[in-house]
Amino acid sequence: MKFTGHFFFTALGTCLALYFLPWWTMAIVAFIAGLTFAFKNSRTGFFAAFLAVLLTWLLLSVVSNIWNEGYFSAKMQPFLLNYTKPVLFVLPGILGGMIAGFAAATGNLVRNIFAEKAE
């Protein structure tokens, strides 16, 4: 249940943050999710945030590509070693997912440090 809550909190927070703020604010959202949802190990929080941001960025990039009729991906393809369009969608999602995963793991570790001192 914690995994699902962490996943949806990070995904919805990322969508809202990306609408108003720069791209890197998803790391702040993932860090807050890591502080909020306590896991025994940071690995679970990492994977929850990784999957949330990967799927969110993948969905947003595909939808924006449909809205602008593939114009942006066609212009970016020569600059990125002529990768196919699916790679252009998945590659930023993986990078953003890793950043969010590390932020969530850091938030969980900070929570665990302060929880140990309180005991």
PDB file of N, CA and C in Angstrom:
ATOM      1  N   MET A   1       0.820  -1.187   0.000  1.00  0.00           N
ATOM      2  CA  MET A   1       0.000   0.000   0.000  1.00  0.00           C
ATOM      3  C   MET A   1       0.870   1.259   0.000  1.00  0.00           C
ATOM      4  N   LYS A   2       1.992   1.214   0.704  1.00  0.00           N
ATOM      5  CA  LYS A   2       2.891   2.360   0.721  1.00  0.00           C
ATOM      6  C   LYS A   2       3.465   2.620  -0.673  1.00  0.00           C
ATOM      7  N   PHE A   3       3.787   1.530  -1.375  1.00  0.00           N
ATOM      8  CA  PHE A   3       4.361   1.664  -2.716  1.00  0.00           C
ATOM      9  C   PHE A   3       3.381   2.385  -3.636  1.00  0.00           C
ATOM     10  N   THR A   4       2.123   1.996  -3.583  1.00  0.00           N
ATOM     11  CA  THR A   4       1.109   2.608  -4.426  1.00  0.00           C
ATOM     12  C   THR A   4       0.901   4.079  -4.067  1.00  0.00           C
ATOM     13  N   GLY A   5       0.846   4.375  -2.783  1.00  0.00           N
ATOM     14  CA  GLY A   5       0.699   5.761  -2.348  1.00  0.00           C
ATOM     15  C   GLY A   5       1.880   6.611  -2.773  1.00  0.00           C
ATOM     16  N   HIS A   6       3.084   6.066  -2.596  1.00  0.00           N
ATOM     17  CA  HIS A   6       4.298   6.771  -3.002  1.00  0.00           C
ATOM     18  C   HIS A   6       4.281   7.009  -4.506  1.00  0.00           C
ATOM     19  N   PHE A   7       3.885   5.995  -5.260  1.00  0.00           N
ATOM     20  CA  PHE A   7       3.838   6.090  -6.712  1.00  0.00           C
ATOM     21  C   PHE A   7       2.885   7.193  -7.156  1.00  0.00           C
ATOM     22  N   PHE A   8       1.648   7.182  -6.643  1.00  0.00           N
ATOM     23  CA  PHE A   8       0.660   8.166  -7.074  1.00  0.00           C
ATOM     24  C   PHE A   8       0.981   9.570  -6.568  1.00  0.00           C
ATOM     25  N   PHE A   9       1.534   9.686  -5.363  1.00  0.00           N
ATOM     26  CA  PHE A   9       1.938  10.990  -4.847  1.00  0.00           C
ATOM     27  C   PHE A   9       3.016  11.594  -5.740  1.00  0.00           C
ATOM     28  N   THR A  10       3.995  10.790  -6.110  1.00  0.00           N
ATOM     29  CA  THR A  10       5.081  11.281  -6.955  1.00  0.00           C
ATOM     30  C   THR A  10       4.586  11.602  -8.362  1.00  0.00           C
ATOM     31  N   ALA A  11       3.738  10.749  -8.915  1.00  0.00           N
ATOM     32  CA  ALA A  11       3.246  10.978 -10.280  1.00  0.00           C
ATOM     33  C   ALA A  11       2.377  12.231 -10.352  1.00  0.00           C
ATOM     34  N   LEU A  12       1.440  12.374  -9.432  1.00  0.00           N
ATOM     35  CA  LEU A  12       0.572  13.555  -9.449  1.00  0.00           C
ATOM     36  C   LEU A  12       1.337  14.826  -9.103  1.00  0.00           C
ATOM     37  N   GLY A  13       2.237  14.725  -8.138  1.00  0.00           N
ATOM     38  CA  GLY A  13       3.059  15.884  -7.791  1.00  0.00           C
ATOM     39  C   GLY A  13       3.955  16.313  -8.934  1.00  0.00           C
ATOM     40  N   THR A  14       4.473  15.344  -9.679  1.00  0.00           N
ATOM     41  CA  THR A  14       5.307  15.662 -10.835  1.00  0.00           C
ATOM     42  C   THR A  14       4.491  16.344 -11.920  1.00  0.00           C
ATOM     43  N   CYS A  15       3.293  15.838 -12.174  1.00  0.00           N
ATOM     44  CA  CYS A  15       2.427  16.486 -13.182  1.00  0.00           C
ATOM     45  C   CYS A  15       2.118  17.922 -12.800  1.00  0.00           C
ATOM     46  N   LEU A  16       1.758  18.147 -11.557  1.00  0.00           N
ATOM     47  CA  LEU A  16       1.445  19.499 -11.115  1.00  0.00           C
ATOM     48  C   LEU A  16       2.677  20.396 -11.131  1.00  0.00           C
ATOM     49  N   ALA A  17       3.803  19.867 -10.683  1.00  0.00           N
ATOM     50  CA  ALA A  17       5.028  20.670 -10.646  1.00  0.00           C
ATOM     51  C   ALA A  17       5.500  21.021 -12.056  1.00  0.00           C
ATOM     52  N   LEU A  18       5.390  20.085 -12.988  1.00  0.00           N
ATOM     53  CA  LEU A  18       5.835  20.356 -14.352  1.00  0.00           C
ATOM     54  C   LEU A  18       4.932  21.355 -15.063  1.00  0.00           C
ATOM     55  N   TYR A  19       3.715  21.478 -14.608  1.00  0.00           N
ATOM     56  CA  TYR A  19       2.805  22.434 -15.227  1.00  0.00           C
ATOM     57  C   TYR A  19       3.174  23.875 -14.864  1.00  0.00           C
ATOM     58  N   PHE A  20       3.659  24.084 -13.646  1.00  0.00           N
ATOM     59  CA  PHE A  20       3.942  25.444 -13.170  1.00  0.00           C
ATOM     60  C   PHE A  20       5.428  25.754 -13.025  1.00  0.00           C
ATOM     61  N   LEU A  21       6.262  24.749 -12.793  1.00  0.00           N
ATOM     62  CA  LEU A  21       7.659  24.959 -12.408  1.00  0.00           C
ATOM     63  C   LEU A  21       8.608  24.252 -13.374  1.00  0.00           C
ATOM     64  N   PRO A  22       9.921  24.455 -13.242  1.00  0.00           N
ATOM     65  CA  PRO A  22      10.879  23.793 -14.131  1.00  0.00           C
ATOM     66  C   PRO A  22      10.904  22.275 -13.934  1.00  0.00           C
ATOM     67  N   TRP A  23      11.612  21.591 -14.841  1.00  0.00           N
ATOM     68  CA  TRP A  23      11.622  20.128 -14.864  1.00  0.00           C
ATOM     69  C   TRP A  23      12.223  19.534 -13.603  1.00  0.00           C
ATOM     70  N   TRP A  24      13.195  20.179 -12.992  1.00  0.00           N
ATOM     71  CA  TRP A  24      13.918  19.590 -11.865  1.00  0.00           C
ATOM     72  C   TRP A  24      13.108  19.593 -10.569  1.00  0.00           C
ATOM     73  N   THR A  25      11.949  20.220 -10.551  1.00  0.00           N
ATOM     74  CA  THR A  25      11.133  20.203  -9.338  1.00  0.00           C
ATOM     75  C   THR A  25      10.548  18.824  -9.048  1.00  0.00           C
ATOM     76  N   MET A  26      10.569  17.928 -10.051  1.00  0.00           N
ATOM     77  CA  MET A  26      10.108  16.563  -9.785  1.00  0.00           C
ATOM     78  C   MET A  26      11.036  15.873  -8.779  1.00  0.00           C
ATOM     79  N   ALA A  27      12.293  16.283  -8.706  1.00  0.00           N
ATOM     80  CA  ALA A  27      13.197  15.726  -7.702  1.00  0.00           C
ATOM     81  C   ALA A  27      12.792  16.188  -6.299  1.00  0.00           C
ATOM     82  N   ILE A  28      12.316  17.407  -6.181  1.00  0.00           N
ATOM     83  CA  ILE A  28      11.852  17.904  -4.886  1.00  0.00           C
ATOM     84  C   ILE A  28      10.593  17.152  -4.463  1.00  0.00           C
ATOM     85  N   VAL A  29       9.696  16.911  -5.417  1.00  0.00           N
ATOM     86  CA  VAL A  29       8.481  16.147  -5.125  1.00  0.00           C
ATOM     87  C   VAL A  29       8.841  14.730  -4.685  1.00  0.00           C
ATOM     88  N   ALA A  30       9.788  14.103  -5.367  1.00  0.00           N
ATOM     89  CA  ALA A  30      10.210  12.747  -5.004  1.00  0.00           C
ATOM     90  C   ALA A  30      10.893  12.729  -3.639  1.00  0.00           C
ATOM     91  N   PHE A  31      11.666  13.758  -3.320  1.00  0.00           N
ATOM     92  CA  PHE A  31      12.307  13.847  -2.005  1.00  0.00           C
ATOM     93  C   PHE A  31      11.260  13.953  -0.904  1.00  0.00           C
ATOM     94  N   ILE A  32      10.242  14.791  -1.126  1.00  0.00           N
ATOM     95  CA  ILE A  32       9.161  14.927  -0.151  1.00  0.00           C
ATOM     96  C   ILE A  32       8.402  13.609  -0.004  1.00  0.00           C
ATOM     97  N   ALA A  33       8.196  12.908  -1.103  1.00  0.00           N
ATOM     98  CA  ALA A  33       7.540  11.595  -1.033  1.00  0.00           C
ATOM     99  C   ALA A  33       8.400  10.605  -0.256  1.00  0.00           C
ATOM    100  N   GLY A  34       9.719  10.677  -0.430  1.00  0.00           N
ATOM    101  CA  GLY A  34      10.613   9.813   0.336  1.00  0.00           C
ATOM    102  C   GLY A  34      10.592  10.116   1.821  1.00  0.00           C
ATOM    103  N   LEU A  35      10.416  11.392   2.174  1.00  0.00           N
ATOM    104  CA  LEU A  35      10.281  11.766   3.580  1.00  0.00           C
ATOM    105  C   LEU A  35       8.942  11.315   4.155  1.00  0.00           C
ATOM    106  N   THR A  36       7.903  11.378   3.344  1.00  0.00           N
ATOM    107  CA  THR A  36       6.548  11.108   3.821  1.00  0.00           C
ATOM    108  C   THR A  36       6.283   9.616   4.000  1.00  0.00           C
ATOM    109  N   PHE A  37       6.639   8.827   3.017  1.00  0.00           N
ATOM    110  CA  PHE A  37       6.357   7.392   3.045  1.00  0.00           C
ATOM    111  C   PHE A  37       7.593   6.648   3.544  1.00  0.00           C
ATOM    112  N   ALA A  38       7.469   6.036   4.705  1.00  0.00           N
ATOM    113  CA  ALA A  38       8.614   5.369   5.328  1.00  0.00           C
ATOM    114  C   ALA A  38       8.725   3.924   4.837  1.00  0.00           C
ATOM    115  N   PHE A  39       9.878   3.586   4.282  1.00  0.00           N
ATOM    116  CA  PHE A  39      10.198   2.218   3.890  1.00  0.00           C
ATOM    117  C   PHE A  39      11.395   1.760   4.703  1.00  0.00           C
ATOM    118  N   LYS A  40      11.487   0.453   4.918  1.00  0.00           N
ATOM    119  CA  LYS A  40      12.628  -0.069   5.678  1.00  0.00           C
ATOM    120  C   LYS A  40      13.922   0.099   4.906  1.00  0.00           C
ATOM    121  N   ASN A  41      13.850  -0.109   3.589  1.00  0.00           N
ATOM    122  CA  ASN A  41      15.037   0.131   2.775  1.00  0.00           C
ATOM    123  C   ASN A  41      14.695   1.166   1.709  1.00  0.00           C
ATOM    124  N   SER A  42      15.673   1.852   1.232  1.00  0.00           N
ATOM    125  CA  SER A  42      15.465   2.929   0.273  1.00  0.00           C
ATOM    126  C   SER A  42      15.203   2.414  -1.133  1.00  0.00           C
ATOM    127  N   ARG A  43      15.465   1.149  -1.363  1.00  0.00           N
ATOM    128  CA  ARG A  43      15.288   0.564  -2.686  1.00  0.00           C
ATOM    129  C   ARG A  43      13.836   0.650  -3.147  1.00  0.00           C
ATOM    130  N   THR A  44      12.896   0.402  -2.258  1.00  0.00           N
ATOM    131  CA  THR A  44      11.478   0.442  -2.609  1.00  0.00           C
ATOM    132  C   THR A  44      11.051   1.857  -2.985  1.00  0.00           C
ATOM    133  N   GLY A  45      11.492   2.834  -2.222  1.00  0.00           N
ATOM    134  CA  GLY A  45      11.195   4.222  -2.550  1.00  0.00           C
ATOM    135  C   GLY A  45      11.822   4.654  -3.861  1.00  0.00           C
ATOM    136  N   PHE A  46      13.021   4.158  -4.120  1.00  0.00           N
ATOM    137  CA  PHE A  46      13.687   4.456  -5.389  1.00  0.00           C
ATOM    138  C   PHE A  46      12.855   3.958  -6.558  1.00  0.00           C
ATOM    139  N   PHE A  47      12.418   2.696  -6.498  1.00  0.00           N
ATOM    140  CA  PHE A  47      11.675   2.129  -7.614  1.00  0.00           C
ATOM    141  C   PHE A  47      10.287   2.752  -7.774  1.00  0.00           C
ATOM    142  N   ALA A  48       9.661   3.137  -6.683  1.00  0.00           N
ATOM    143  CA  ALA A  48       8.355   3.803  -6.781  1.00  0.00           C
ATOM    144  C   ALA A  48       8.493   5.142  -7.495  1.00  0.00           C
ATOM    145  N   ALA A  49       9.470   5.935  -7.102  1.00  0.00           N
ATOM    146  CA  ALA A  49       9.673   7.240  -7.740  1.00  0.00           C
ATOM    147  C   ALA A  49      10.172   7.078  -9.172  1.00  0.00           C
ATOM    148  N   PHE A  50      11.034   6.100  -9.401  1.00  0.00           N
ATOM    149  CA  PHE A  50      11.546   5.848 -10.749  1.00  0.00           C
ATOM    150  C   PHE A  50      10.408   5.527 -11.706  1.00  0.00           C
ATOM    151  N   LEU A  51       9.551   4.596 -11.322  1.00  0.00           N
ATOM    152  CA  LEU A  51       8.432   4.215 -12.187  1.00  0.00           C
ATOM    153  C   LEU A  51       7.439   5.358 -12.363  1.00  0.00           C
ATOM    154  N   ALA A  52       7.185   6.116 -11.302  1.00  0.00           N
ATOM    155  CA  ALA A  52       6.231   7.219 -11.391  1.00  0.00           C
ATOM    156  C   ALA A  52       6.699   8.271 -12.381  1.00  0.00           C
ATOM    157  N   VAL A  53       7.946   8.688 -12.282  1.00  0.00           N
ATOM    158  CA  VAL A  53       8.447   9.738 -13.171  1.00  0.00           C
ATOM    159  C   VAL A  53       8.670   9.190 -14.577  1.00  0.00           C
ATOM    160  N   LEU A  54       9.127   7.962 -14.703  1.00  0.00           N
ATOM    161  CA  LEU A  54       9.304   7.365 -16.026  1.00  0.00           C
ATOM    162  C   LEU A  54       7.974   7.342 -16.777  1.00  0.00           C
ATOM    163  N   LEU A  55       6.944   6.839 -16.152  1.00  0.00           N
ATOM    164  CA  LEU A  55       5.643   6.762 -16.817  1.00  0.00           C
ATOM    165  C   LEU A  55       5.025   8.143 -17.033  1.00  0.00           C
ATOM    166  N   THR A  56       5.211   9.051 -16.094  1.00  0.00           N
ATOM    167  CA  THR A  56       4.673  10.406 -16.245  1.00  0.00           C
ATOM    168  C   THR A  56       5.338  11.126 -17.404  1.00  0.00           C
ATOM    169  N   TRP A  57       6.668  11.103 -17.461  1.00  0.00           N
ATOM    170  CA  TRP A  57       7.368  11.783 -18.541  1.00  0.00           C
ATOM    171  C   TRP A  57       7.096  11.107 -19.881  1.00  0.00           C
ATOM    172  N   LEU A  58       6.983   9.793 -19.878  1.00  0.00           N
ATOM    173  CA  LEU A  58       6.674   9.080 -21.116  1.00  0.00           C
ATOM    174  C   LEU A  58       5.297   9.494 -21.630  1.00  0.00           C
ATOM    175  N   LEU A  59       4.324   9.522 -20.743  1.00  0.00           N
ATOM    176  CA  LEU A  59       2.973   9.919 -21.130  1.00  0.00           C
ATOM    177  C   LEU A  59       2.935  11.369 -21.612  1.00  0.00           C
ATOM    178  N   LEU A  60       3.586  12.267 -20.878  1.00  0.00           N
ATOM    179  CA  LEU A  60       3.582  13.678 -21.270  1.00  0.00           C
ATOM    180  C   LEU A  60       4.302  13.911 -22.600  1.00  0.00           C
ATOM    181  N   SER A  61       5.386  13.198 -22.843  1.00  0.00           N
ATOM    182  CA  SER A  61       6.100  13.388 -24.110  1.00  0.00           C
ATOM    183  C   SER A  61       5.318  12.827 -25.290  1.00  0.00           C
ATOM    184  N   VAL A  62       4.648  11.704 -25.101  1.00  0.00           N
ATOM    185  CA  VAL A  62       3.840  11.143 -26.185  1.00  0.00           C
ATOM    186  C   VAL A  62       2.643  12.049 -26.480  1.00  0.00           C
ATOM    187  N   VAL A  63       1.989  12.541 -25.441  1.00  0.00           N
ATOM    188  CA  VAL A  63       0.839  13.428 -25.642  1.00  0.00           C
ATOM    189  C   VAL A  63       1.274  14.732 -26.313  1.00  0.00           C
ATOM    190  N   SER A  64       2.379  15.303 -25.890  1.00  0.00           N
ATOM    191  CA  SER A  64       2.831  16.547 -26.520  1.00  0.00           C
ATOM    192  C   SER A  64       3.260  16.302 -27.964  1.00  0.00           C
ATOM    193  N   ASN A  65       3.814  15.133 -28.248  1.00  0.00           N
ATOM    194  CA  ASN A  65       4.184  14.805 -29.625  1.00  0.00           C
ATOM    195  C   ASN A  65       2.942  14.650 -30.502  1.00  0.00           C
ATOM    196  N   ILE A  66       1.886  14.093 -29.945  1.00  0.00           N
ATOM    197  CA  ILE A  66       0.636  13.977 -30.699  1.00  0.00           C
ATOM    198  C   ILE A  66       0.035  15.357 -30.941  1.00  0.00           C
ATOM    199  N   TRP A  67       0.091  16.228 -29.929  1.00  0.00           N
ATOM    200  CA  TRP A  67      -0.496  17.559 -30.064  1.00  0.00           C
ATOM    201  C   TRP A  67       0.214  18.397 -31.120  1.00  0.00           C
ATOM    202  N   ASN A  68       1.559  18.296 -31.178  1.00  0.00           N
ATOM    203  CA  ASN A  68       2.259  19.110 -32.168  1.00  0.00           C
ATOM    204  C   ASN A  68       2.583  18.329 -33.442  1.00  0.00           C
ATOM    205  N   GLU A  69       1.910  17.202 -33.623  1.00  0.00           N
ATOM    206  CA  GLU A  69       1.987  16.384 -34.837  1.00  0.00           C
ATOM    207  C   GLU A  69       3.405  15.936 -35.163  1.00  0.00           C
ATOM    208  N   GLY A  70       4.195  15.646 -34.162  1.00  0.00           N
ATOM    209  CA  GLY A  70       5.536  15.097 -34.347  1.00  0.00           C
ATOM    210  C   GLY A  70       6.581  16.093 -34.771  1.00  0.00           C
ATOM    211  N   TYR A  71       6.280  17.365 -34.715  1.00  0.00           N
ATOM    212  CA  TYR A  71       7.214  18.385 -35.177  1.00  0.00           C
ATOM    213  C   TYR A  71       8.482  18.427 -34.326  1.00  0.00           C
ATOM    214  N   PHE A  72       8.314  18.442 -32.999  1.00  0.00           N
ATOM    215  CA  PHE A  72       9.476  18.570 -32.116  1.00  0.00           C
ATOM    216  C   PHE A  72      10.380  17.343 -32.180  1.00  0.00           C
ATOM    217  N   SER A  73       9.780  16.150 -32.176  1.00  0.00           N
ATOM    218  CA  SER A  73      10.606  14.941 -32.227  1.00  0.00           C
ATOM    219  C   SER A  73      11.320  14.817 -33.566  1.00  0.00           C
ATOM    220  N   ALA A  74      10.701  15.284 -34.650  1.00  0.00           N
ATOM    221  CA  ALA A  74      11.366  15.255 -35.953  1.00  0.00           C
ATOM    222  C   ALA A  74      12.547  16.225 -35.988  1.00  0.00           C
ATOM    223  N   LYS A  75      12.409  17.360 -35.298  1.00  0.00           N
ATOM    224  CA  LYS A  75      13.510  18.327 -35.251  1.00  0.00           C
ATOM    225  C   LYS A  75      14.641  17.875 -34.329  1.00  0.00           C
ATOM    226  N   MET A  76      14.321  17.149 -33.264  1.00  0.00           N
ATOM    227  CA  MET A  76      15.340  16.723 -32.304  1.00  0.00           C
ATOM    228  C   MET A  76      16.064  15.447 -32.728  1.00  0.00           C
ATOM    229  N   GLN A  77      15.470  14.671 -33.591  1.00  0.00           N
ATOM    230  CA  GLN A  77      16.037  13.381 -33.978  1.00  0.00           C
ATOM    231  C   GLN A  77      17.454  13.488 -34.556  1.00  0.00           C
ATOM    232  N   PRO A  78      17.762  14.433 -35.448  1.00  0.00           N
ATOM    233  CA  PRO A  78      19.137  14.508 -35.963  1.00  0.00           C
ATOM    234  C   PRO A  78      20.181  14.866 -34.901  1.00  0.00           C
ATOM    235  N   PHE A  79      19.774  15.616 -33.884  1.00  0.00           N
ATOM    236  CA  PHE A  79      20.714  16.016 -32.843  1.00  0.00           C
ATOM    237  C   PHE A  79      21.033  14.883 -31.879  1.00  0.00           C
ATOM    238  N   LEU A  80      20.160  13.920 -31.783  1.00  0.00           N
ATOM    239  CA  LEU A  80      20.341  12.809 -30.847  1.00  0.00           C
ATOM    240  C   LEU A  80      20.702  11.515 -31.577  1.00  0.00           C
ATOM    241  N   LEU A  81      21.638  11.609 -32.500  1.00  0.00           N
ATOM    242  CA  LEU A  81      22.211  10.466 -33.208  1.00  0.00           C
ATOM    243  C   LEU A  81      21.178   9.657 -33.982  1.00  0.00           C
ATOM    244  N   ASN A  82      20.140  10.328 -34.469  1.00  0.00           N
ATOM    245  CA  ASN A  82      19.096   9.705 -35.281  1.00  0.00           C
ATOM    246  C   ASN A  82      18.439   8.501 -34.616  1.00  0.00           C
ATOM    247  N   TYR A  83      18.231   8.585 -33.307  1.00  0.00           N
ATOM    248  CA  TYR A  83      17.482   7.545 -32.627  1.00  0.00           C
ATOM    249  C   TYR A  83      16.050   7.529 -33.140  1.00  0.00           C
ATOM    250  N   THR A  84      15.400   6.403 -32.995  1.00  0.00           N
ATOM    251  CA  THR A  84      13.999   6.326 -33.388  1.00  0.00           C
ATOM    252  C   THR A  84      13.145   7.109 -32.384  1.00  0.00           C
ATOM    253  N   LYS A  85      11.913   7.382 -32.762  1.00  0.00           N
ATOM    254  CA  LYS A  85      11.046   8.193 -31.899  1.00  0.00           C
ATOM    255  C   LYS A  85      10.753   7.542 -30.552  1.00  0.00           C
ATOM    256  N   PRO A  86      10.525   6.237 -30.458  1.00  0.00           N
ATOM    257  CA  PRO A  86      10.307   5.662 -29.119  1.00  0.00           C
ATOM    258  C   PRO A  86      11.500   5.858 -28.178  1.00  0.00           C
ATOM    259  N   VAL A  87      12.703   5.818 -28.719  1.00  0.00           N
ATOM    260  CA  VAL A  87      13.883   6.042 -27.885  1.00  0.00           C
ATOM    261  C   VAL A  87      13.917   7.487 -27.412  1.00  0.00           C
ATOM    262  N   LEU A  88      13.474   8.404 -28.264  1.00  0.00           N
ATOM    263  CA  LEU A  88      13.427   9.820 -27.868  1.00  0.00           C
ATOM    264  C   LEU A  88      12.431  10.058 -26.744  1.00  0.00           C
ATOM    265  N   PHE A  89      11.441   9.192 -26.606  1.00  0.00           N
ATOM    266  CA  PHE A  89      10.468   9.327 -25.525  1.00  0.00           C
ATOM    267  C   PHE A  89      10.936   8.621 -24.259  1.00  0.00           C
ATOM    268  N   VAL A  90      11.566   7.476 -24.401  1.00  0.00           N
ATOM    269  CA  VAL A  90      11.942   6.666 -23.237  1.00  0.00           C
ATOM    270  C   VAL A  90      13.214   7.182 -22.571  1.00  0.00           C
ATOM    271  N   LEU A  91      14.171   7.658 -23.343  1.00  0.00           N
ATOM    272  CA  LEU A  91      15.457   8.095 -22.798  1.00  0.00           C
ATOM    273  C   LEU A  91      15.319   9.219 -21.765  1.00  0.00           C
ATOM    274  N   PRO A  92      14.580  10.297 -22.032  1.00  0.00           N
ATOM    275  CA  PRO A  92      14.387  11.308 -20.983  1.00  0.00           C
ATOM    276  C   PRO A  92      13.608  10.774 -19.790  1.00  0.00           C
ATOM    277  N   GLY A  93      12.684   9.856 -20.032  1.00  0.00           N
ATOM    278  CA  GLY A  93      11.935   9.258 -18.930  1.00  0.00           C
ATOM    279  C   GLY A  93      12.830   8.468 -17.998  1.00  0.00           C
ATOM    280  N   ILE A  94      13.775   7.728 -18.558  1.00  0.00           N
ATOM    281  CA  ILE A  94      14.713   6.958 -17.734  1.00  0.00           C
ATOM    282  C   ILE A  94      15.617   7.902 -16.942  1.00  0.00           C
ATOM    283  N   LEU A  95      16.097   8.948 -17.594  1.00  0.00           N
ATOM    284  CA  LEU A  95      16.962   9.911 -16.903  1.00  0.00           C
ATOM    285  C   LEU A  95      16.206  10.613 -15.776  1.00  0.00           C
ATOM    286  N   GLY A  96      14.995  11.071 -16.054  1.00  0.00           N
ATOM    287  CA  GLY A  96      14.184  11.708 -15.018  1.00  0.00           C
ATOM    288  C   GLY A  96      13.818  10.733 -13.912  1.00  0.00           C
ATOM    289  N   GLY A  97      13.549   9.489 -14.279  1.00  0.00           N
ATOM    290  CA  GLY A  97      13.239   8.467 -13.282  1.00  0.00           C
ATOM    291  C   GLY A  97      14.403   8.195 -12.350  1.00  0.00           C
ATOM    292  N   MET A  98      15.608   8.174 -12.897  1.00  0.00           N
ATOM    293  CA  MET A  98      16.780   7.958 -12.046  1.00  0.00           C
ATOM    294  C   MET A  98      16.993   9.127 -11.088  1.00  0.00           C
ATOM    295  N   ILE A  99      16.805  10.342 -11.585  1.00  0.00           N
ATOM    296  CA  ILE A  99      16.955  11.514 -10.724  1.00  0.00           C
ATOM    297  C   ILE A  99      15.915  11.486  -9.606  1.00  0.00           C
ATOM    298  N   ALA A 100      14.666  11.192  -9.966  1.00  0.00           N
ATOM    299  CA  ALA A 100      13.602  11.130  -8.958  1.00  0.00           C
ATOM    300  C   ALA A 100      13.827   9.972  -7.998  1.00  0.00           C
ATOM    301  N   GLY A 101      14.309   8.842  -8.498  1.00  0.00           N
ATOM    302  CA  GLY A 101      14.577   7.703  -7.632  1.00  0.00           C
ATOM    303  C   GLY A 101      15.642   7.995  -6.598  1.00  0.00           C
ATOM    304  N   PHE A 102      16.714   8.635  -7.034  1.00  0.00           N
ATOM    305  CA  PHE A 102      17.765   8.991  -6.079  1.00  0.00           C
ATOM    306  C   PHE A 102      17.281  10.035  -5.077  1.00  0.00           C
ATOM    307  N   ALA A 103      16.425  10.953  -5.524  1.00  0.00           N
ATOM    308  CA  ALA A 103      15.879  11.946  -4.600  1.00  0.00           C
ATOM    309  C   ALA A 103      14.971  11.284  -3.568  1.00  0.00           C
ATOM    310  N   ALA A 104      14.145  10.331  -3.999  1.00  0.00           N
ATOM    311  CA  ALA A 104      13.263   9.627  -3.065  1.00  0.00           C
ATOM    312  C   ALA A 104      14.063   8.771  -2.094  1.00  0.00           C
ATOM    313  N   ALA A 105      15.106   8.119  -2.582  1.00  0.00           N
ATOM    314  CA  ALA A 105      15.953   7.317  -1.698  1.00  0.00           C
ATOM    315  C   ALA A 105      16.654   8.209  -0.679  1.00  0.00           C
ATOM    316  N   THR A 106      17.090   9.386  -1.103  1.00  0.00           N
ATOM    317  CA  THR A 106      17.713  10.328  -0.183  1.00  0.00           C
ATOM    318  C   THR A 106      16.721  10.801   0.870  1.00  0.00           C
ATOM    319  N   GLY A 107      15.496  11.095   0.451  1.00  0.00           N
ATOM    320  CA  GLY A 107      14.462  11.493   1.408  1.00  0.00           C
ATOM    321  C   GLY A 107      14.173  10.396   2.423  1.00  0.00           C
ATOM    322  N   ASN A 108      14.145   9.155   1.961  1.00  0.00           N
ATOM    323  CA  ASN A 108      13.912   8.032   2.874  1.00  0.00           C
ATOM    324  C   ASN A 108      15.079   7.852   3.838  1.00  0.00           C
ATOM    325  N   LEU A 109      16.299   8.028   3.358  1.00  0.00           N
ATOM    326  CA  LEU A 109      17.459   7.912   4.236  1.00  0.00           C
ATOM    327  C   LEU A 109      17.488   9.033   5.272  1.00  0.00           C
ATOM    328  N   VAL A 110      17.126  10.246   4.867  1.00  0.00           N
ATOM    329  CA  VAL A 110      17.065  11.359   5.829  1.00  0.00           C
ATOM    330  C   VAL A 110      16.017  11.067   6.888  1.00  0.00           C
ATOM    331  N   ARG A 111      14.872  10.544   6.465  1.00  0.00           N
ATOM    332  CA  ARG A 111      13.826  10.195   7.425  1.00  0.00           C
ATOM    333  C   ARG A 111      14.322   9.123   8.401  1.00  0.00           C
ATOM    334  N   ASN A 112      15.016   8.120   7.888  1.00  0.00           N
ATOM    335  CA  ASN A 112      15.523   7.054   8.750  1.00  0.00           C
ATOM    336  C   ASN A 112      16.570   7.566   9.739  1.00  0.00           C
ATOM    337  N   ILE A 113      17.397   8.512   9.318  1.00  0.00           N
ATOM    338  CA  ILE A 113      18.411   9.085  10.214  1.00  0.00           C
ATOM    339  C   ILE A 113      17.741   9.801  11.382  1.00  0.00           C
ATOM    340  N   PHE A 114      16.739  10.632  11.080  1.00  0.00           N
ATOM    341  CA  PHE A 114      16.073  11.373  12.154  1.00  0.00           C
ATOM    342  C   PHE A 114      15.166  10.481  12.983  1.00  0.00           C
ATOM    343  N   ALA A 115      14.642   9.400  12.423  1.00  0.00           N
ATOM    344  CA  ALA A 115      13.828   8.469  13.189  1.00  0.00           C
ATOM    345  C   ALA A 115      14.687   7.704  14.200  1.00  0.00           C
ATOM    346  N   GLU A 116      15.925   7.379  13.819  1.00  0.00           N
ATOM    347  CA  GLU A 116      16.838   6.688  14.725  1.00  0.00           C
ATOM    348  C   GLU A 116      17.248   7.596  15.878  1.00  0.00           C
ATOM    349  N   LYS A 117      17.445   8.877  15.622  1.00  0.00           N
ATOM    350  CA  LYS A 117      17.854   9.800  16.684  1.00  0.00           C
ATOM    351  C   LYS A 117      16.708  10.055  17.660  1.00  0.00           C
ATOM    352  N   ALA A 118      15.464   9.960  17.157  1.00  0.00           N
ATOM    353  CA  ALA A 118      14.314  10.198  18.029  1.00  0.00           C
ATOM    354  C   ALA A 118      14.082   9.045  19.001  1.00  0.00           C
ATOM    355  N   GLU A 119      14.533   7.859  18.624  1.00  0.00           N
ATOM    356  CA  GLU A 119      14.302   6.686  19.476  1.00  0.00           C
ATOM    357  C   GLU A 119      15.248   6.597  20.630  1.00  0.00           C
TER     358      GLU A 119
END
